[in-house]
Amino acid sequence: MPRFDRHVFVCTNFRAPEAARPSCTANGNSEIHTLMKDGVRAAGLGNRVRVNKSGCLDQCEHGPAVVVYPGEVWYGFVKPEDVPEIVSEHLVHGRPVERLRLPEGCLNTPSCPHRQPPPAKS
């Protein structure tokens, strides 16, 4: 089998509601993952694009999070209704969906405006 043109990772991490950081899923199941796999298959990309479930991508405050390689295109706050656009624009036509991209300043940095500071210790 030839190598994949793109590899998509969909965060399916689940944390308890009282956890310090949010989860990308409510229960460990991901409608986004299912829709992405179905969309890739429907677009005829099944042999060229691989869609995987991922554990925590450490973008919890931006969840649900999706990352596409090559290119390290990080998407945040992805909703099920965004999946057809990601499949059509990015995976079929090679054009990342800019409105869903996480800004570089939000990736792996404690200063992102979406990240809440830890509670003060008393």
PDB file of N, CA and C in Angstrom:
ATOM      1  N   MET A   1       0.841  -1.169   0.000  1.00  0.00           N
ATOM      2  CA  MET A   1       0.000   0.000   0.000  1.00  0.00           C
ATOM      3  C   MET A   1       0.892   1.241   0.000  1.00  0.00           C
ATOM      4  N   PRO A   2       0.574   2.242  -0.836  1.00  0.00           N
ATOM      5  CA  PRO A   2       1.365   3.471  -0.834  1.00  0.00           C
ATOM      6  C   PRO A   2       1.157   4.249   0.458  1.00  0.00           C
ATOM      7  N   ARG A   3       2.096   5.132   0.740  1.00  0.00           N
ATOM      8  CA  ARG A   3       1.980   5.936   1.956  1.00  0.00           C
ATOM      9  C   ARG A   3       0.799   6.892   1.831  1.00  0.00           C
ATOM     10  N   PHE A   4       0.353   7.392   2.969  1.00  0.00           N
ATOM     11  CA  PHE A   4      -0.777   8.318   2.983  1.00  0.00           C
ATOM     12  C   PHE A   4      -0.316   9.721   2.598  1.00  0.00           C
ATOM     13  N   ASP A   5      -1.182  10.441   1.898  1.00  0.00           N
ATOM     14  CA  ASP A   5      -0.906  11.842   1.555  1.00  0.00           C
ATOM     15  C   ASP A   5      -1.094  12.735   2.781  1.00  0.00           C
ATOM     16  N   ARG A   6      -2.091  12.392   3.604  1.00  0.00           N
ATOM     17  CA  ARG A   6      -2.373  13.168   4.808  1.00  0.00           C
ATOM     18  C   ARG A   6      -2.756  12.215   5.932  1.00  0.00           C
ATOM     19  N   HIS A   7      -2.468  12.662   7.126  1.00  0.00           N
ATOM     20  CA  HIS A   7      -2.804  11.902   8.327  1.00  0.00           C
ATOM     21  C   HIS A   7      -3.526  12.870   9.265  1.00  0.00           C
ATOM     22  N   VAL A   8      -4.733  12.499   9.677  1.00  0.00           N
ATOM     23  CA  VAL A   8      -5.586  13.349  10.501  1.00  0.00           C
ATOM     24  C   VAL A   8      -5.730  12.708  11.876  1.00  0.00           C
ATOM     25  N   PHE A   9      -5.470  13.492  12.906  1.00  0.00           N
ATOM     26  CA  PHE A   9      -5.642  13.030  14.277  1.00  0.00           C
ATOM     27  C   PHE A   9      -6.761  13.840  14.921  1.00  0.00           C
ATOM     28  N   VAL A  10      -7.747  13.139  15.455  1.00  0.00           N
ATOM     29  CA  VAL A  10      -8.895  13.764  16.109  1.00  0.00           C
ATOM     30  C   VAL A  10      -8.823  13.424  17.591  1.00  0.00           C
ATOM     31  N   CYS A  11      -8.721  14.446  18.434  1.00  0.00           N
ATOM     32  CA  CYS A  11      -8.644  14.205  19.867  1.00  0.00           C
ATOM     33  C   CYS A  11      -9.964  13.628  20.366  1.00  0.00           C
ATOM     34  N   THR A  12      -9.861  12.524  21.098  1.00  0.00           N
ATOM     35  CA  THR A  12     -11.039  11.894  21.692  1.00  0.00           C
ATOM     36  C   THR A  12     -10.876  11.812  23.215  1.00  0.00           C
ATOM     37  N   ASN A  13      -9.995  12.636  23.755  1.00  0.00           N
ATOM     38  CA  ASN A  13      -9.718  12.585  25.185  1.00  0.00           C
ATOM     39  C   ASN A  13     -10.944  12.965  26.006  1.00  0.00           C
ATOM     40  N   PHE A  14     -11.092  12.287  27.134  1.00  0.00           N
ATOM     41  CA  PHE A  14     -12.188  12.565  28.057  1.00  0.00           C
ATOM     42  C   PHE A  14     -11.629  12.777  29.451  1.00  0.00           C
ATOM     43  N   ARG A  15     -12.104  13.824  30.106  1.00  0.00           N
ATOM     44  CA  ARG A  15     -11.775  14.091  31.504  1.00  0.00           C
ATOM     45  C   ARG A  15     -13.084  14.274  32.267  1.00  0.00           C
ATOM     46  N   ALA A  16     -13.032  14.011  33.540  1.00  0.00           N
ATOM     47  CA  ALA A  16     -14.199  14.227  34.388  1.00  0.00           C
ATOM     48  C   ALA A  16     -14.567  15.715  34.378  1.00  0.00           C
ATOM     49  N   PRO A  17     -15.836  16.032  34.532  1.00  0.00           N
ATOM     50  CA  PRO A  17     -16.268  17.436  34.496  1.00  0.00           C
ATOM     51  C   PRO A  17     -15.543  18.331  35.505  1.00  0.00           C
ATOM     52  N   GLU A  18     -15.115  17.776  36.619  1.00  0.00           N
ATOM     53  CA  GLU A  18     -14.443  18.597  37.631  1.00  0.00           C
ATOM     54  C   GLU A  18     -12.937  18.750  37.381  1.00  0.00           C
ATOM     55  N   ALA A  19     -12.418  18.208  36.300  1.00  0.00           N
ATOM     56  CA  ALA A  19     -10.989  18.299  35.989  1.00  0.00           C
ATOM     57  C   ALA A  19     -10.581  19.752  35.758  1.00  0.00           C
ATOM     58  N   ALA A  20      -9.312  20.031  35.956  1.00  0.00           N
ATOM     59  CA  ALA A  20      -8.789  21.391  35.796  1.00  0.00           C
ATOM     60  C   ALA A  20      -8.837  21.872  34.349  1.00  0.00           C
ATOM     61  N   ARG A  21      -8.740  20.949  33.401  1.00  0.00           N
ATOM     62  CA  ARG A  21      -8.777  21.318  31.987  1.00  0.00           C
ATOM     63  C   ARG A  21      -9.962  20.627  31.321  1.00  0.00           C
ATOM     64  N   PRO A  22     -10.506  21.231  30.269  1.00  0.00           N
ATOM     65  CA  PRO A  22     -11.659  20.631  29.596  1.00  0.00           C
ATOM     66  C   PRO A  22     -11.280  19.413  28.760  1.00  0.00           C
ATOM     67  N   SER A  23     -12.302  18.732  28.279  1.00  0.00           N
ATOM     68  CA  SER A  23     -12.127  17.558  27.420  1.00  0.00           C
ATOM     69  C   SER A  23     -12.526  17.895  25.992  1.00  0.00           C
ATOM     70  N   CYS A  24     -11.996  17.118  25.056  1.00  0.00           N
ATOM     71  CA  CYS A  24     -12.423  17.267  23.663  1.00  0.00           C
ATOM     72  C   CYS A  24     -13.697  16.477  23.384  1.00  0.00           C
ATOM     73  N   THR A  25     -14.031  15.518  24.260  1.00  0.00           N
ATOM     74  CA  THR A  25     -15.283  14.770  24.116  1.00  0.00           C
ATOM     75  C   THR A  25     -15.982  14.707  25.463  1.00  0.00           C
ATOM     76  N   ALA A  26     -17.269  14.463  25.420  1.00  0.00           N
ATOM     77  CA  ALA A  26     -18.046  14.348  26.653  1.00  0.00           C
ATOM     78  C   ALA A  26     -17.937  12.958  27.258  1.00  0.00           C
ATOM     79  N   ASN A  27     -17.586  11.961  26.416  1.00  0.00           N
ATOM     80  CA  ASN A  27     -17.597  10.590  26.911  1.00  0.00           C
ATOM     81  C   ASN A  27     -16.546   9.693  26.260  1.00  0.00           C
ATOM     82  N   GLY A  28     -15.611  10.263  25.549  1.00  0.00           N
ATOM     83  CA  GLY A  28     -14.582   9.466  24.885  1.00  0.00           C
ATOM     84  C   GLY A  28     -14.966   9.039  23.479  1.00  0.00           C
ATOM     85  N   ASN A  29     -16.217   9.265  23.097  1.00  0.00           N
ATOM     86  CA  ASN A  29     -16.652   8.990  21.727  1.00  0.00           C
ATOM     87  C   ASN A  29     -16.636  10.310  20.969  1.00  0.00           C
ATOM     88  N   SER A  30     -16.304  10.260  19.701  1.00  0.00           N
ATOM     89  CA  SER A  30     -16.171  11.497  18.942  1.00  0.00           C
ATOM     90  C   SER A  30     -16.983  11.436  17.662  1.00  0.00           C
ATOM     91  N   GLU A  31     -18.032  12.234  17.627  1.00  0.00           N
ATOM     92  CA  GLU A  31     -18.817  12.358  16.406  1.00  0.00           C
ATOM     93  C   GLU A  31     -17.943  12.932  15.289  1.00  0.00           C
ATOM     94  N   ILE A  32     -17.024  13.824  15.657  1.00  0.00           N
ATOM     95  CA  ILE A  32     -16.138  14.430  14.664  1.00  0.00           C
ATOM     96  C   ILE A  32     -15.280  13.360  14.000  1.00  0.00           C
ATOM     97  N   HIS A  33     -14.724  12.441  14.775  1.00  0.00           N
ATOM     98  CA  HIS A  33     -13.919  11.357  14.213  1.00  0.00           C
ATOM     99  C   HIS A  33     -14.742  10.520  13.242  1.00  0.00           C
ATOM    100  N   THR A  34     -15.928  10.136  13.657  1.00  0.00           N
ATOM    101  CA  THR A  34     -16.796   9.322  12.797  1.00  0.00           C
ATOM    102  C   THR A  34     -17.140  10.060  11.510  1.00  0.00           C
ATOM    103  N   LEU A  35     -17.522  11.323  11.634  1.00  0.00           N
ATOM    104  CA  LEU A  35     -17.867  12.111  10.446  1.00  0.00           C
ATOM    105  C   LEU A  35     -16.660  12.304   9.532  1.00  0.00           C
ATOM    106  N   MET A  36     -15.488  12.504  10.122  1.00  0.00           N
ATOM    107  CA  MET A  36     -14.275  12.687   9.328  1.00  0.00           C
ATOM    108  C   MET A  36     -13.966  11.411   8.532  1.00  0.00           C
ATOM    109  N   LYS A  37     -14.037  10.264   9.187  1.00  0.00           N
ATOM    110  CA  LYS A  37     -13.792   9.000   8.492  1.00  0.00           C
ATOM    111  C   LYS A  37     -14.805   8.795   7.367  1.00  0.00           C
ATOM    112  N   ASP A  38     -16.081   9.055   7.658  1.00  0.00           N
ATOM    113  CA  ASP A  38     -17.126   8.910   6.641  1.00  0.00           C
ATOM    114  C   ASP A  38     -16.908   9.885   5.489  1.00  0.00           C
ATOM    115  N   GLY A  39     -16.527  11.128   5.816  1.00  0.00           N
ATOM    116  CA  GLY A  39     -16.294  12.129   4.779  1.00  0.00           C
ATOM    117  C   GLY A  39     -15.117  11.785   3.887  1.00  0.00           C
ATOM    118  N   VAL A  40     -14.055  11.274   4.484  1.00  0.00           N
ATOM    119  CA  VAL A  40     -12.874  10.866   3.716  1.00  0.00           C
ATOM    120  C   VAL A  40     -13.241   9.713   2.775  1.00  0.00           C
ATOM    121  N   ARG A  41     -13.985   8.769   3.304  1.00  0.00           N
ATOM    122  CA  ARG A  41     -14.410   7.624   2.486  1.00  0.00           C
ATOM    123  C   ARG A  41     -15.301   8.092   1.330  1.00  0.00           C
ATOM    124  N   ALA A  42     -16.283   8.960   1.632  1.00  0.00           N
ATOM    125  CA  ALA A  42     -17.207   9.458   0.615  1.00  0.00           C
ATOM    126  C   ALA A  42     -16.491  10.274  -0.458  1.00  0.00           C
ATOM    127  N   ALA A  43     -15.410  10.944  -0.082  1.00  0.00           N
ATOM    128  CA  ALA A  43     -14.637  11.746  -1.041  1.00  0.00           C
ATOM    129  C   ALA A  43     -13.683  10.888  -1.867  1.00  0.00           C
ATOM    130  N   GLY A  44     -13.663   9.588  -1.606  1.00  0.00           N
ATOM    131  CA  GLY A  44     -12.783   8.690  -2.352  1.00  0.00           C
ATOM    132  C   GLY A  44     -11.331   8.777  -1.925  1.00  0.00           C
ATOM    133  N   LEU A  45     -11.096   9.228  -0.696  1.00  0.00           N
ATOM    134  CA  LEU A  45      -9.730   9.409  -0.206  1.00  0.00           C
ATOM    135  C   LEU A  45      -9.276   8.293   0.728  1.00  0.00           C
ATOM    136  N   GLY A  46     -10.052   7.245   0.835  1.00  0.00           N
ATOM    137  CA  GLY A  46      -9.767   6.193   1.803  1.00  0.00           C
ATOM    138  C   GLY A  46      -8.382   5.597   1.728  1.00  0.00           C
ATOM    139  N   ASN A  47      -7.780   5.557   0.562  1.00  0.00           N
ATOM    140  CA  ASN A  47      -6.435   5.003   0.420  1.00  0.00           C
ATOM    141  C   ASN A  47      -5.345   6.060   0.535  1.00  0.00           C
ATOM    142  N   ARG A  48      -5.741   7.347   0.594  1.00  0.00           N
ATOM    143  CA  ARG A  48      -4.742   8.420   0.610  1.00  0.00           C
ATOM    144  C   ARG A  48      -4.722   9.228   1.899  1.00  0.00           C
ATOM    145  N   VAL A  49      -5.814   9.168   2.670  1.00  0.00           N
ATOM    146  CA  VAL A  49      -5.915   9.940   3.907  1.00  0.00           C
ATOM    147  C   VAL A  49      -6.281   8.991   5.035  1.00  0.00           C
ATOM    148  N   ARG A  50      -5.537   9.037   6.112  1.00  0.00           N
ATOM    149  CA  ARG A  50      -5.780   8.205   7.285  1.00  0.00           C
ATOM    150  C   ARG A  50      -6.318   9.083   8.395  1.00  0.00           C
ATOM    151  N   VAL A  51      -7.439   8.686   8.982  1.00  0.00           N
ATOM    152  CA  VAL A  51      -8.051   9.417  10.095  1.00  0.00           C
ATOM    153  C   VAL A  51      -7.952   8.530  11.329  1.00  0.00           C
ATOM    154  N   ASN A  52      -7.314   9.064  12.377  1.00  0.00           N
ATOM    155  CA  ASN A  52      -7.119   8.313  13.620  1.00  0.00           C
ATOM    156  C   ASN A  52      -7.703   9.047  14.806  1.00  0.00           C
ATOM    157  N   LYS A  53      -8.145   8.260  15.786  1.00  0.00           N
ATOM    158  CA  LYS A  53      -8.469   8.815  17.095  1.00  0.00           C
ATOM    159  C   LYS A  53      -7.147   9.106  17.782  1.00  0.00           C
ATOM    160  N   SER A  54      -7.138  10.150  18.567  1.00  0.00           N
ATOM    161  CA  SER A  54      -5.937  10.491  19.314  1.00  0.00           C
ATOM    162  C   SER A  54      -6.307  10.669  20.774  1.00  0.00           C
ATOM    163  N   GLY A  55      -5.353  10.381  21.624  1.00  0.00           N
ATOM    164  CA  GLY A  55      -5.485  10.791  23.012  1.00  0.00           C
ATOM    165  C   GLY A  55      -5.256  12.292  23.071  1.00  0.00           C
ATOM    166  N   CYS A  56      -4.987  12.797  24.236  1.00  0.00           N
ATOM    167  CA  CYS A  56      -4.833  14.233  24.438  1.00  0.00           C
ATOM    168  C   CYS A  56      -3.745  14.818  23.532  1.00  0.00           C
ATOM    169  N   LEU A  57      -4.100  15.881  22.815  1.00  0.00           N
ATOM    170  CA  LEU A  57      -3.157  16.612  21.967  1.00  0.00           C
ATOM    171  C   LEU A  57      -2.642  17.858  22.685  1.00  0.00           C
ATOM    172  N   ASP A  58      -3.008  18.025  23.951  1.00  0.00           N
ATOM    173  CA  ASP A  58      -2.612  19.150  24.792  1.00  0.00           C
ATOM    174  C   ASP A  58      -3.092  20.488  24.237  1.00  0.00           C
ATOM    175  N   GLN A  59      -4.252  20.454  23.622  1.00  0.00           N
ATOM    176  CA  GLN A  59      -4.902  21.673  23.149  1.00  0.00           C
ATOM    177  C   GLN A  59      -6.303  21.733  23.752  1.00  0.00           C
ATOM    178  N   CYS A  60      -6.405  21.331  25.002  1.00  0.00           N
ATOM    179  CA  CYS A  60      -7.689  21.121  25.681  1.00  0.00           C
ATOM    180  C   CYS A  60      -8.604  22.339  25.632  1.00  0.00           C
ATOM    181  N   GLU A  61      -8.044  23.524  25.815  1.00  0.00           N
ATOM    182  CA  GLU A  61      -8.857  24.738  25.819  1.00  0.00           C
ATOM    183  C   GLU A  61      -9.357  25.104  24.427  1.00  0.00           C
ATOM    184  N   HIS A  62      -8.868  24.404  23.429  1.00  0.00           N
ATOM    185  CA  HIS A  62      -9.259  24.666  22.046  1.00  0.00           C
ATOM    186  C   HIS A  62     -10.108  23.538  21.474  1.00  0.00           C
ATOM    187  N   GLY A  63     -10.531  22.642  22.311  1.00  0.00           N
ATOM    188  CA  GLY A  63     -11.183  21.430  21.855  1.00  0.00           C
ATOM    189  C   GLY A  63     -12.613  21.619  21.415  1.00  0.00           C
ATOM    190  N   PRO A  64     -13.063  20.701  20.626  1.00  0.00           N
ATOM    191  CA  PRO A  64     -12.338  19.564  20.082  1.00  0.00           C
ATOM    192  C   PRO A  64     -11.240  20.006  19.118  1.00  0.00           C
ATOM    193  N   ALA A  65     -10.114  19.328  19.233  1.00  0.00           N
ATOM    194  CA  ALA A  65      -8.934  19.653  18.431  1.00  0.00           C
ATOM    195  C   ALA A  65      -8.681  18.571  17.385  1.00  0.00           C
ATOM    196  N   VAL A  66      -8.184  19.021  16.233  1.00  0.00           N
ATOM    197  CA  VAL A  66      -7.830  18.144  15.113  1.00  0.00           C
ATOM    198  C   VAL A  66      -6.520  18.657  14.558  1.00  0.00           C
ATOM    199  N   VAL A  67      -5.612  17.750  14.202  1.00  0.00           N
ATOM    200  CA  VAL A  67      -4.366  18.165  13.550  1.00  0.00           C
ATOM    201  C   VAL A  67      -4.179  17.320  12.298  1.00  0.00           C
ATOM    202  N   VAL A  68      -3.723  17.989  11.227  1.00  0.00           N
ATOM    203  CA  VAL A  68      -3.512  17.336   9.937  1.00  0.00           C
ATOM    204  C   VAL A  68      -2.036  17.436   9.571  1.00  0.00           C
ATOM    205  N   TYR A  69      -1.455  16.298   9.247  1.00  0.00           N
ATOM    206  CA  TYR A  69      -0.067  16.212   8.772  1.00  0.00           C
ATOM    207  C   TYR A  69      -0.080  15.691   7.347  1.00  0.00           C
ATOM    208  N   PRO A  70       0.883  16.065   6.503  1.00  0.00           N
ATOM    209  CA  PRO A  70       1.954  17.004   6.795  1.00  0.00           C
ATOM    210  C   PRO A  70       1.418  18.434   6.862  1.00  0.00           C
ATOM    211  N   GLY A  71       2.252  19.286   7.331  1.00  0.00           N
ATOM    212  CA  GLY A  71       1.920  20.701   7.430  1.00  0.00           C
ATOM    213  C   GLY A  71       1.580  21.153   8.829  1.00  0.00           C
ATOM    214  N   GLU A  72       1.345  20.204   9.728  1.00  0.00           N
ATOM    215  CA  GLU A  72       1.012  20.553  11.103  1.00  0.00           C
ATOM    216  C   GLU A  72      -0.071  21.616  11.167  1.00  0.00           C
ATOM    217  N   VAL A  73      -1.187  21.362  10.511  1.00  0.00           N
ATOM    218  CA  VAL A  73      -2.311  22.287  10.529  1.00  0.00           C
ATOM    219  C   VAL A  73      -3.199  21.910  11.711  1.00  0.00           C
ATOM    220  N   TRP A  74      -3.265  22.804  12.690  1.00  0.00           N
ATOM    221  CA  TRP A  74      -4.036  22.584  13.912  1.00  0.00           C
ATOM    222  C   TRP A  74      -5.365  23.308  13.799  1.00  0.00           C
ATOM    223  N   TYR A  75      -6.435  22.543  14.022  1.00  0.00           N
ATOM    224  CA  TYR A  75      -7.775  23.106  14.053  1.00  0.00           C
ATOM    225  C   TYR A  75      -8.297  23.042  15.479  1.00  0.00           C
ATOM    226  N   GLY A  76      -9.041  24.079  15.861  1.00  0.00           N
ATOM    227  CA  GLY A  76      -9.620  24.103  17.194  1.00  0.00           C
ATOM    228  C   GLY A  76     -11.082  24.465  17.166  1.00  0.00           C
ATOM    229  N   PHE A  77     -11.770  24.110  18.242  1.00  0.00           N
ATOM    230  CA  PHE A  77     -13.186  24.390  18.404  1.00  0.00           C
ATOM    231  C   PHE A  77     -13.990  23.785  17.254  1.00  0.00           C
ATOM    232  N   VAL A  78     -13.558  22.626  16.777  1.00  0.00           N
ATOM    233  CA  VAL A  78     -14.193  21.975  15.631  1.00  0.00           C
ATOM    234  C   VAL A  78     -15.555  21.430  16.046  1.00  0.00           C
ATOM    235  N   LYS A  79     -16.548  21.718  15.218  1.00  0.00           N
ATOM    236  CA  LYS A  79     -17.908  21.226  15.421  1.00  0.00           C
ATOM    237  C   LYS A  79     -18.218  20.203  14.325  1.00  0.00           C
ATOM    238  N   PRO A  80     -19.165  19.328  14.581  1.00  0.00           N
ATOM    239  CA  PRO A  80     -19.515  18.346  13.543  1.00  0.00           C
ATOM    240  C   PRO A  80     -19.842  18.993  12.198  1.00  0.00           C
ATOM    241  N   GLU A  81     -20.487  20.132  12.226  1.00  0.00           N
ATOM    242  CA  GLU A  81     -20.849  20.784  10.959  1.00  0.00           C
ATOM    243  C   GLU A  81     -19.638  21.364  10.220  1.00  0.00           C
ATOM    244  N   ASP A  82     -18.461  21.428  10.860  1.00  0.00           N
ATOM    245  CA  ASP A  82     -17.236  21.899  10.208  1.00  0.00           C
ATOM    246  C   ASP A  82     -16.541  20.799   9.401  1.00  0.00           C
ATOM    247  N   VAL A  83     -16.845  19.562   9.698  1.00  0.00           N
ATOM    248  CA  VAL A  83     -16.122  18.440   9.090  1.00  0.00           C
ATOM    249  C   VAL A  83     -16.216  18.422   7.562  1.00  0.00           C
ATOM    250  N   PRO A  84     -17.405  18.600   6.945  1.00  0.00           N
ATOM    251  CA  PRO A  84     -17.435  18.588   5.477  1.00  0.00           C
ATOM    252  C   PRO A  84     -16.516  19.631   4.843  1.00  0.00           C
ATOM    253  N   GLU A  85     -16.405  20.805   5.466  1.00  0.00           N
ATOM    254  CA  GLU A  85     -15.531  21.851   4.932  1.00  0.00           C
ATOM    255  C   GLU A  85     -14.059  21.439   5.051  1.00  0.00           C
ATOM    256  N   ILE A  86     -13.672  20.835   6.178  1.00  0.00           N
ATOM    257  CA  ILE A  86     -12.291  20.370   6.336  1.00  0.00           C
ATOM    258  C   ILE A  86     -11.980  19.301   5.299  1.00  0.00           C
ATOM    259  N   VAL A  87     -12.902  18.370   5.108  1.00  0.00           N
ATOM    260  CA  VAL A  87     -12.680  17.302   4.124  1.00  0.00           C
ATOM    261  C   VAL A  87     -12.566  17.896   2.729  1.00  0.00           C
ATOM    262  N   SER A  88     -13.537  18.713   2.344  1.00  0.00           N
ATOM    263  CA  SER A  88     -13.549  19.256   0.981  1.00  0.00           C
ATOM    264  C   SER A  88     -12.380  20.204   0.722  1.00  0.00           C
ATOM    265  N   GLU A  89     -12.217  21.181   1.580  1.00  0.00           N
ATOM    266  CA  GLU A  89     -11.201  22.199   1.336  1.00  0.00           C
ATOM    267  C   GLU A  89      -9.783  21.702   1.589  1.00  0.00           C
ATOM    268  N   HIS A  90      -9.554  21.112   2.745  1.00  0.00           N
ATOM    269  CA  HIS A  90      -8.192  20.736   3.109  1.00  0.00           C
ATOM    270  C   HIS A  90      -7.789  19.380   2.540  1.00  0.00           C
ATOM    271  N   LEU A  91      -8.588  18.373   2.812  1.00  0.00           N
ATOM    272  CA  LEU A  91      -8.168  17.024   2.435  1.00  0.00           C
ATOM    273  C   LEU A  91      -8.312  16.744   0.949  1.00  0.00           C
ATOM    274  N   VAL A  92      -9.305  17.320   0.305  1.00  0.00           N
ATOM    275  CA  VAL A  92      -9.475  17.124  -1.143  1.00  0.00           C
ATOM    276  C   VAL A  92      -8.649  18.138  -1.931  1.00  0.00           C
ATOM    277  N   HIS A  93      -8.783  19.431  -1.584  1.00  0.00           N
ATOM    278  CA  HIS A  93      -8.176  20.496  -2.394  1.00  0.00           C
ATOM    279  C   HIS A  93      -6.870  21.061  -1.842  1.00  0.00           C
ATOM    280  N   GLY A  94      -6.465  20.634  -0.643  1.00  0.00           N
ATOM    281  CA  GLY A  94      -5.183  21.078  -0.100  1.00  0.00           C
ATOM    282  C   GLY A  94      -5.169  22.486   0.444  1.00  0.00           C
ATOM    283  N   ARG A  95      -6.349  23.054   0.730  1.00  0.00           N
ATOM    284  CA  ARG A  95      -6.436  24.420   1.253  1.00  0.00           C
ATOM    285  C   ARG A  95      -6.924  24.363   2.696  1.00  0.00           C
ATOM    286  N   PRO A  96      -6.050  24.606   3.665  1.00  0.00           N
ATOM    287  CA  PRO A  96      -6.499  24.604   5.060  1.00  0.00           C
ATOM    288  C   PRO A  96      -7.657  25.578   5.280  1.00  0.00           C
ATOM    289  N   VAL A  97      -8.525  25.234   6.205  1.00  0.00           N
ATOM    290  CA  VAL A  97      -9.687  26.056   6.533  1.00  0.00           C
ATOM    291  C   VAL A  97      -9.231  27.086   7.565  1.00  0.00           C
ATOM    292  N   GLU A  98      -8.922  28.278   7.087  1.00  0.00           N
ATOM    293  CA  GLU A  98      -8.303  29.306   7.924  1.00  0.00           C
ATOM    294  C   GLU A  98      -9.165  29.705   9.109  1.00  0.00           C
ATOM    295  N   ARG A  99     -10.465  29.738   8.961  1.00  0.00           N
ATOM    296  CA  ARG A  99     -11.335  30.175  10.058  1.00  0.00           C
ATOM    297  C   ARG A  99     -11.291  29.223  11.250  1.00  0.00           C
ATOM    298  N   LEU A 100     -10.838  27.987  11.041  1.00  0.00           N
ATOM    299  CA  LEU A 100     -10.768  27.002  12.114  1.00  0.00           C
ATOM    300  C   LEU A 100      -9.353  26.791  12.642  1.00  0.00           C
ATOM    301  N   ARG A 101      -8.368  27.355  11.966  1.00  0.00           N
ATOM    302  CA  ARG A 101      -6.975  27.156  12.382  1.00  0.00           C
ATOM    303  C   ARG A 101      -6.697  27.842  13.709  1.00  0.00           C
ATOM    304  N   LEU A 102      -5.933  27.139  14.527  1.00  0.00           N
ATOM    305  CA  LEU A 102      -5.475  27.743  15.772  1.00  0.00           C
ATOM    306  C   LEU A 102      -4.302  28.668  15.457  1.00  0.00           C
ATOM    307  N   PRO A 103      -4.289  29.858  16.050  1.00  0.00           N
ATOM    308  CA  PRO A 103      -3.157  30.759  15.835  1.00  0.00           C
ATOM    309  C   PRO A 103      -1.876  30.152  16.409  1.00  0.00           C
ATOM    310  N   GLU A 104      -0.757  30.433  15.764  1.00  0.00           N
ATOM    311  CA  GLU A 104       0.539  29.930  16.246  1.00  0.00           C
ATOM    312  C   GLU A 104       0.752  30.276  17.714  1.00  0.00           C
ATOM    313  N   GLY A 105       0.303  31.445  18.138  1.00  0.00           N
ATOM    314  CA  GLY A 105       0.485  31.871  19.517  1.00  0.00           C
ATOM    315  C   GLY A 105      -0.320  31.071  20.530  1.00  0.00           C
ATOM    316  N   CYS A 106      -1.205  30.222  20.061  1.00  0.00           N
ATOM    317  CA  CYS A 106      -2.008  29.397  20.969  1.00  0.00           C
ATOM    318  C   CYS A 106      -1.477  27.972  21.087  1.00  0.00           C
ATOM    319  N   LEU A 107      -0.524  27.616  20.281  1.00  0.00           N
ATOM    320  CA  LEU A 107      -0.025  26.237  20.296  1.00  0.00           C
ATOM    321  C   LEU A 107       1.099  26.085  21.308  1.00  0.00           C
ATOM    322  N   ASN A 108       0.867  25.215  22.273  1.00  0.00           N
ATOM    323  CA  ASN A 108       1.891  24.842  23.263  1.00  0.00           C
ATOM    324  C   ASN A 108       2.502  26.048  23.971  1.00  0.00           C
ATOM    325  N   THR A 109       1.655  26.945  24.398  1.00  0.00           N
ATOM    326  CA  THR A 109       2.115  28.106  25.130  1.00  0.00           C
ATOM    327  C   THR A 109       1.181  28.374  26.310  1.00  0.00           C
ATOM    328  N   PRO A 110       1.725  28.745  27.448  1.00  0.00           N
ATOM    329  CA  PRO A 110       0.860  29.042  28.592  1.00  0.00           C
ATOM    330  C   PRO A 110       0.167  30.392  28.483  1.00  0.00           C
ATOM    331  N   SER A 111       0.526  31.211  27.494  1.00  0.00           N
ATOM    332  CA  SER A 111      -0.014  32.565  27.416  1.00  0.00           C
ATOM    333  C   SER A 111      -1.194  32.709  26.466  1.00  0.00           C
ATOM    334  N   CYS A 112      -1.695  31.628  25.937  1.00  0.00           N
ATOM    335  CA  CYS A 112      -2.830  31.693  25.016  1.00  0.00           C
ATOM    336  C   CYS A 112      -4.051  32.295  25.722  1.00  0.00           C
ATOM    337  N   PRO A 113      -4.787  33.166  25.065  1.00  0.00           N
ATOM    338  CA  PRO A 113      -5.942  33.783  25.712  1.00  0.00           C
ATOM    339  C   PRO A 113      -7.058  32.785  26.079  1.00  0.00           C
ATOM    340  N   HIS A 114      -7.040  31.598  25.491  1.00  0.00           N
ATOM    341  CA  HIS A 114      -8.065  30.602  25.804  1.00  0.00           C
ATOM    342  C   HIS A 114      -7.730  29.820  27.060  1.00  0.00           C
ATOM    343  N   ARG A 115      -6.478  29.841  27.466  1.00  0.00           N
ATOM    344  CA  ARG A 115      -6.019  29.052  28.593  1.00  0.00           C
ATOM    345  C   ARG A 115      -6.229  29.818  29.892  1.00  0.00           C
ATOM    346  N   GLN A 116      -6.922  29.201  30.790  1.00  0.00           N
ATOM    347  CA  GLN A 116      -7.184  29.824  32.089  1.00  0.00           C
ATOM    348  C   GLN A 116      -5.979  29.592  33.007  1.00  0.00           C
ATOM    349  N   PRO A 117      -5.584  30.613  33.773  1.00  0.00           N
ATOM    350  CA  PRO A 117      -4.487  30.395  34.723  1.00  0.00           C
ATOM    351  C   PRO A 117      -4.945  29.426  35.813  1.00  0.00           C
ATOM    352  N   PRO A 118      -4.015  28.684  36.389  1.00  0.00           N
ATOM    353  CA  PRO A 118      -4.403  27.773  37.476  1.00  0.00           C
ATOM    354  C   PRO A 118      -4.949  28.563  38.656  1.00  0.00           C
ATOM    355  N   PRO A 119      -5.879  27.956  39.400  1.00  0.00           N
ATOM    356  CA  PRO A 119      -6.434  28.673  40.562  1.00  0.00           C
ATOM    357  C   PRO A 119      -5.343  28.999  41.575  1.00  0.00           C
ATOM    358  N   ALA A 120      -5.475  30.140  42.207  1.00  0.00           N
ATOM    359  CA  ALA A 120      -4.504  30.555  43.229  1.00  0.00           C
ATOM    360  C   ALA A 120      -4.598  29.619  44.433  1.00  0.00           C
ATOM    361  N   LYS A 121      -3.441  29.295  45.003  1.00  0.00           N
ATOM    362  CA  LYS A 121      -3.419  28.449  46.201  1.00  0.00           C
ATOM    363  C   LYS A 121      -3.647  29.314  47.423  1.00  0.00           C
ATOM    364  N   SER A 122      -4.439  28.809  48.349  1.00  0.00           N
ATOM    365  CA  SER A 122      -4.697  29.590  49.554  1.00  0.00           C
ATOM    366  C   SER A 122      -3.741  29.260  50.666  1.00  0.00           C
TER     367      SER A 122
END
